[in-house]
Protein backbone atom coordinates (compact mmCIF):
# COMPACT_ATOMS: atom_id res chain seq x y z
CA MET A 1 16.49 14.92 -38.18
CA THR A 2 20.07 13.64 -37.91
CA GLU A 3 21.56 10.68 -36.10
CA HIS A 4 23.19 13.09 -33.65
CA THR A 5 19.72 14.39 -32.76
CA LEU A 6 18.53 10.87 -32.00
CA ILE A 7 21.54 10.26 -29.76
CA THR A 8 20.80 13.53 -27.95
CA LEU A 9 17.18 12.44 -27.45
CA THR A 10 18.44 9.14 -26.04
CA LEU A 11 20.56 10.99 -23.49
CA ALA A 12 17.63 13.28 -22.69
CA ILE A 13 15.34 10.35 -21.97
CA LEU A 14 17.97 8.98 -19.58
CA VAL A 15 18.12 12.28 -17.67
CA THR A 16 14.34 12.52 -17.36
CA SER A 17 14.22 8.87 -16.23
CA ILE A 18 16.56 9.69 -13.36
CA ALA A 19 14.47 12.75 -12.49
CA ALA A 20 11.26 10.71 -12.45
CA VAL A 21 12.79 8.25 -9.97
CA GLU A 22 14.71 10.66 -7.74
CA ILE A 23 12.45 13.71 -7.36
CA ARG A 24 10.51 13.48 -4.10
CA ASN A 25 7.63 15.80 -4.99
CA LEU A 26 5.13 13.51 -6.72
CA ARG A 27 3.66 16.26 -8.89
CA THR A 28 7.12 17.19 -10.17
CA THR A 29 7.86 13.49 -10.59
CA SER A 30 4.80 13.22 -12.82
CA PHE A 31 6.06 16.16 -14.90
CA ALA A 32 9.43 14.44 -15.23
CA TYR A 33 7.72 11.27 -16.46
CA LEU A 34 5.70 13.37 -18.91
CA LEU A 35 8.94 14.80 -20.34
CA HIS A 36 10.36 11.28 -20.46
CA SER A 37 7.34 10.17 -22.49
CA ILE A 38 7.62 13.15 -24.85
CA PHE A 39 11.25 12.27 -25.56
CA LEU A 40 10.22 8.65 -26.14
CA PHE A 41 7.61 9.80 -28.64
CA ALA A 42 10.18 12.03 -30.34
CA ILE A 43 12.62 9.10 -30.62
CA VAL A 44 10.02 6.89 -32.30
CA MET A 45 9.08 9.71 -34.68
CA GLY A 46 12.76 10.34 -35.38
CA TYR A 47 13.42 6.71 -36.25
CA ALA A 48 10.35 6.66 -38.48
CA TYR A 49 11.77 9.64 -40.37
CA VAL A 50 15.42 8.51 -40.52
CA LYS A 51 14.59 4.90 -41.43
CA HIS A 52 11.77 5.91 -43.82
CA ASN A 53 9.53 3.44 -42.02
CA GLU A 54 5.92 4.58 -42.29
CA SER A 55 4.67 1.86 -39.93
CA LEU A 56 6.56 3.54 -37.09
CA TYR A 57 4.32 6.60 -37.37
CA LEU A 58 1.33 4.59 -36.13
CA TRP A 59 3.58 3.23 -33.39
CA ALA A 60 4.47 6.83 -32.49
CA ILE A 61 0.84 7.97 -32.44
CA THR A 62 -0.11 5.09 -30.13
CA CYS A 63 2.87 5.94 -27.93
CA PHE A 64 1.73 9.58 -27.79
CA LEU A 65 -1.82 8.68 -26.81
CA THR A 66 -0.87 6.18 -24.11
CA LYS A 67 2.40 7.54 -22.71
CA VAL A 68 2.17 11.28 -23.27
CA ILE A 69 -1.54 11.77 -22.60
CA ILE A 70 -3.30 8.95 -20.76
CA ILE A 71 -0.64 7.71 -18.30
CA PRO A 72 0.51 11.23 -17.22
CA TYR A 73 -3.15 12.21 -16.82
CA MET A 74 -3.68 9.22 -14.55
CA LEU A 75 -0.54 10.10 -12.56
CA PHE A 76 -1.59 13.73 -12.05
CA ARG A 77 -5.08 12.63 -11.09
CA PHE A 78 -3.69 10.17 -8.56
CA VAL A 79 -1.34 12.77 -7.05
CA LYS A 80 -4.32 15.00 -6.23
CA THR A 81 -5.71 12.34 -3.88
CA VAL A 82 -2.52 11.50 -1.91
CA PRO A 83 0.18 13.42 0.00
CA ILE A 84 2.36 15.45 -2.37
CA MET A 85 5.66 14.08 -1.02
CA GLU A 86 6.58 10.45 -1.53
CA HIS A 87 7.22 8.12 1.39
CA LYS A 88 10.84 8.11 2.51
CA PRO A 89 12.65 5.64 0.25
CA ILE A 90 15.00 2.93 1.43
CA ILE A 91 18.04 4.96 0.29
CA GLY A 92 18.42 8.64 1.21
CA PHE A 93 18.03 11.33 -1.45
CA VAL A 94 21.64 12.56 -1.79
CA PHE A 95 23.16 9.09 -1.64
CA SER A 96 20.57 7.76 -4.09
CA VAL A 97 21.21 10.57 -6.60
CA VAL A 98 24.94 9.86 -6.47
CA ILE A 99 24.37 6.12 -6.88
CA VAL A 100 21.89 6.48 -9.74
CA SER A 101 23.88 9.10 -11.64
CA SER A 102 27.05 7.04 -11.36
CA LEU A 103 25.31 3.81 -12.32
CA MET A 104 23.62 5.40 -15.31
CA VAL A 105 26.96 6.63 -16.69
CA ILE A 106 28.61 3.28 -15.99
CA PHE A 107 25.72 1.24 -17.40
CA PHE A 108 25.37 3.35 -20.54
CA THR A 109 29.11 3.14 -21.24
CA PHE A 110 29.17 -0.58 -20.44
CA PHE A 111 26.16 -1.47 -22.58
CA ARG A 112 27.56 0.48 -25.54
CA LYS A 113 30.75 -1.56 -25.33
CA VAL A 114 29.14 -5.00 -24.93
CA ILE A 115 26.12 -4.45 -27.16
CA ILE A 116 27.54 -6.90 -29.70
CA PHE A 117 27.11 -9.66 -27.12
CA LEU A 118 23.62 -8.55 -26.06
CA ALA A 119 22.37 -7.98 -29.60
CA PRO A 120 24.77 -9.69 -32.05
CA THR A 121 23.52 -8.04 -35.24
CA PRO A 122 25.23 -5.63 -37.65
CA THR A 123 22.48 -3.07 -37.03
CA ALA A 124 23.19 -2.95 -33.30
CA MET A 125 26.78 -1.83 -33.90
CA VAL A 126 25.82 1.23 -35.94
CA GLU A 127 24.82 4.61 -34.52
CA PRO A 128 22.26 5.72 -33.47
CA VAL A 129 20.97 2.19 -32.81
CA ARG A 130 23.98 1.37 -30.64
CA SER A 131 23.31 4.31 -28.30
CA LEU A 132 19.58 3.63 -28.32
CA LEU A 133 20.11 0.04 -27.18
CA ALA A 134 22.54 1.15 -24.47
CA GLY A 135 19.97 3.70 -23.32
CA ALA A 136 17.20 1.09 -23.40
CA PHE A 137 19.08 -1.35 -21.18
CA THR A 138 20.06 1.50 -18.86
CA ILE A 139 16.45 2.65 -18.50
CA PHE A 140 15.40 -0.94 -17.82
CA SER A 141 18.03 -1.12 -15.05
CA LEU A 142 16.76 2.16 -13.60
CA GLY A 143 13.23 0.76 -13.52
CA LEU A 144 14.47 -2.22 -11.51
CA TYR A 145 16.30 0.15 -9.15
CA ALA A 146 13.08 2.11 -8.60
CA LEU A 147 11.13 -1.05 -7.78
CA LEU A 148 13.76 -2.20 -5.29
CA THR A 149 14.38 1.08 -3.46
CA ARG A 150 11.11 3.05 -3.60
CA ARG A 151 8.24 2.58 -1.16
CA ASP A 152 5.64 4.88 -2.67
CA VAL A 153 3.02 3.32 -4.95
CA LEU A 154 3.40 6.03 -7.58
CA LYS A 155 7.15 5.39 -7.79
CA THR A 156 6.39 1.68 -8.17
CA VAL A 157 4.14 2.49 -11.11
CA ILE A 158 6.84 4.67 -12.66
CA GLY A 159 9.40 1.90 -12.13
CA LEU A 160 7.15 -0.52 -14.03
CA ALA A 161 6.64 2.06 -16.77
CA LEU A 162 10.41 2.52 -17.12
CA LEU A 163 10.86 -1.25 -17.40
CA GLU A 164 8.36 -1.34 -20.22
CA ASN A 165 9.85 1.71 -21.92
CA GLY A 166 13.25 0.03 -21.89
CA VAL A 167 11.75 -2.98 -23.65
CA HIS A 168 9.90 -0.62 -25.96
CA LEU A 169 13.17 1.01 -27.07
CA VAL A 170 14.87 -2.36 -27.58
CA LEU A 171 12.05 -3.40 -29.91
CA LEU A 172 12.29 -0.08 -31.72
CA ALA A 173 16.01 -0.57 -32.29
CA LEU A 174 16.01 -4.25 -33.24
CA ALA A 175 12.53 -4.98 -34.56
CA PRO A 176 11.03 -1.82 -36.07
CA GLN A 177 9.31 -4.03 -38.63
CA LEU A 178 6.97 -5.46 -35.98
CA LYS A 179 3.33 -5.29 -36.96
CA GLU A 180 1.50 -2.26 -35.62
CA THR A 181 -1.08 -4.46 -33.93
CA THR A 182 1.67 -6.13 -31.88
CA MET A 183 3.04 -2.83 -30.61
CA ILE A 184 -0.41 -1.45 -29.89
CA GLY A 185 -1.12 -4.59 -27.88
CA ILE A 186 2.05 -4.14 -25.82
CA LEU A 187 1.30 -0.48 -25.14
CA THR A 188 -2.33 -1.07 -24.17
CA ASN A 189 -1.39 -3.94 -21.83
CA VAL A 190 0.96 -1.66 -19.91
CA LEU A 191 -1.67 1.07 -19.89
CA ALA A 192 -4.19 -1.33 -18.36
CA VAL A 193 -1.72 -2.34 -15.62
CA VAL A 194 -0.99 1.30 -14.74
CA ILE A 195 -4.68 2.22 -14.58
CA ILE A 196 -5.53 -0.78 -12.40
CA LEU A 197 -2.61 -0.13 -10.01
CA LEU A 198 -3.45 3.55 -9.59
CA TYR A 199 -7.16 2.88 -9.21
CA LEU A 200 -6.62 0.22 -6.54
CA SER A 201 -3.97 2.32 -4.77
CA ARG A 202 -6.32 5.28 -4.57
CA ASP A 203 -8.99 3.15 -2.91
CA ILE A 204 -6.41 1.60 -0.57
CA TYR A 205 -5.28 5.08 0.47
CA ARG A 206 -8.87 6.04 1.27
CA ILE A 207 -9.26 2.98 3.50
CA PHE A 208 -5.83 2.66 5.13
CA GLY A 209 -4.47 6.20 4.73
CA THR A 210 -1.15 5.16 3.16
CA THR A 211 0.49 4.50 -0.18
CA ASP A 212 3.59 3.03 1.43
CA THR A 213 4.09 -0.38 -0.16
CA VAL A 214 6.03 -1.62 2.89
CA GLN A 215 3.15 -0.81 5.26
CA LEU A 216 0.63 -2.28 2.83
CA SER A 217 2.58 -5.55 2.68
CA GLU A 218 2.53 -5.70 6.48
CA LEU A 219 -1.26 -5.39 6.50
CA LYS A 220 -1.48 -8.91 5.08
CA ARG A 221 0.01 -10.38 8.26
């Protein structure tokens, strides 16, 4: 696997991140997140191979189990119990796609240029780490965008997952020497949050008939 392949995988994970946020059909959204997770797994495996870092293989296996298998399974299971189309988001589909696509290009280009200020290390200035870090910060920004503009619970969960995946990629780029137990702990914590959110949201839907976070917040009043 070459450095160019890793850069291509970084771009692919950005595209699938946008798809996971923007697609309105929740089943297709779940497929997009599954592809996103597969690319994430491939990136970790690629860095393990390129950097000759055997500890990253355990990191990759844990990533595969949690992000490629368990979380997508939970998403697909949740989608079966709720309406297939997400609640209308705050920003319309066409306008949102234009905004997100433009911001992703701008953010990725911007972060690649200023990465020396965000991560002032010699490693961060060398490809493919430079592109990976730019992609990581961009994915993190997209997760924030999803949390701010989406009303559906499932999109909220995906937004949180994207936030964590952005952090995950930053750690991969800058601290691949982290102990396996640390990374497994981070991954399992996120997994627990996702499971709890989806489990509670499914019960809330059964009682109140909605997964609209705006309506649910109004129920407290």
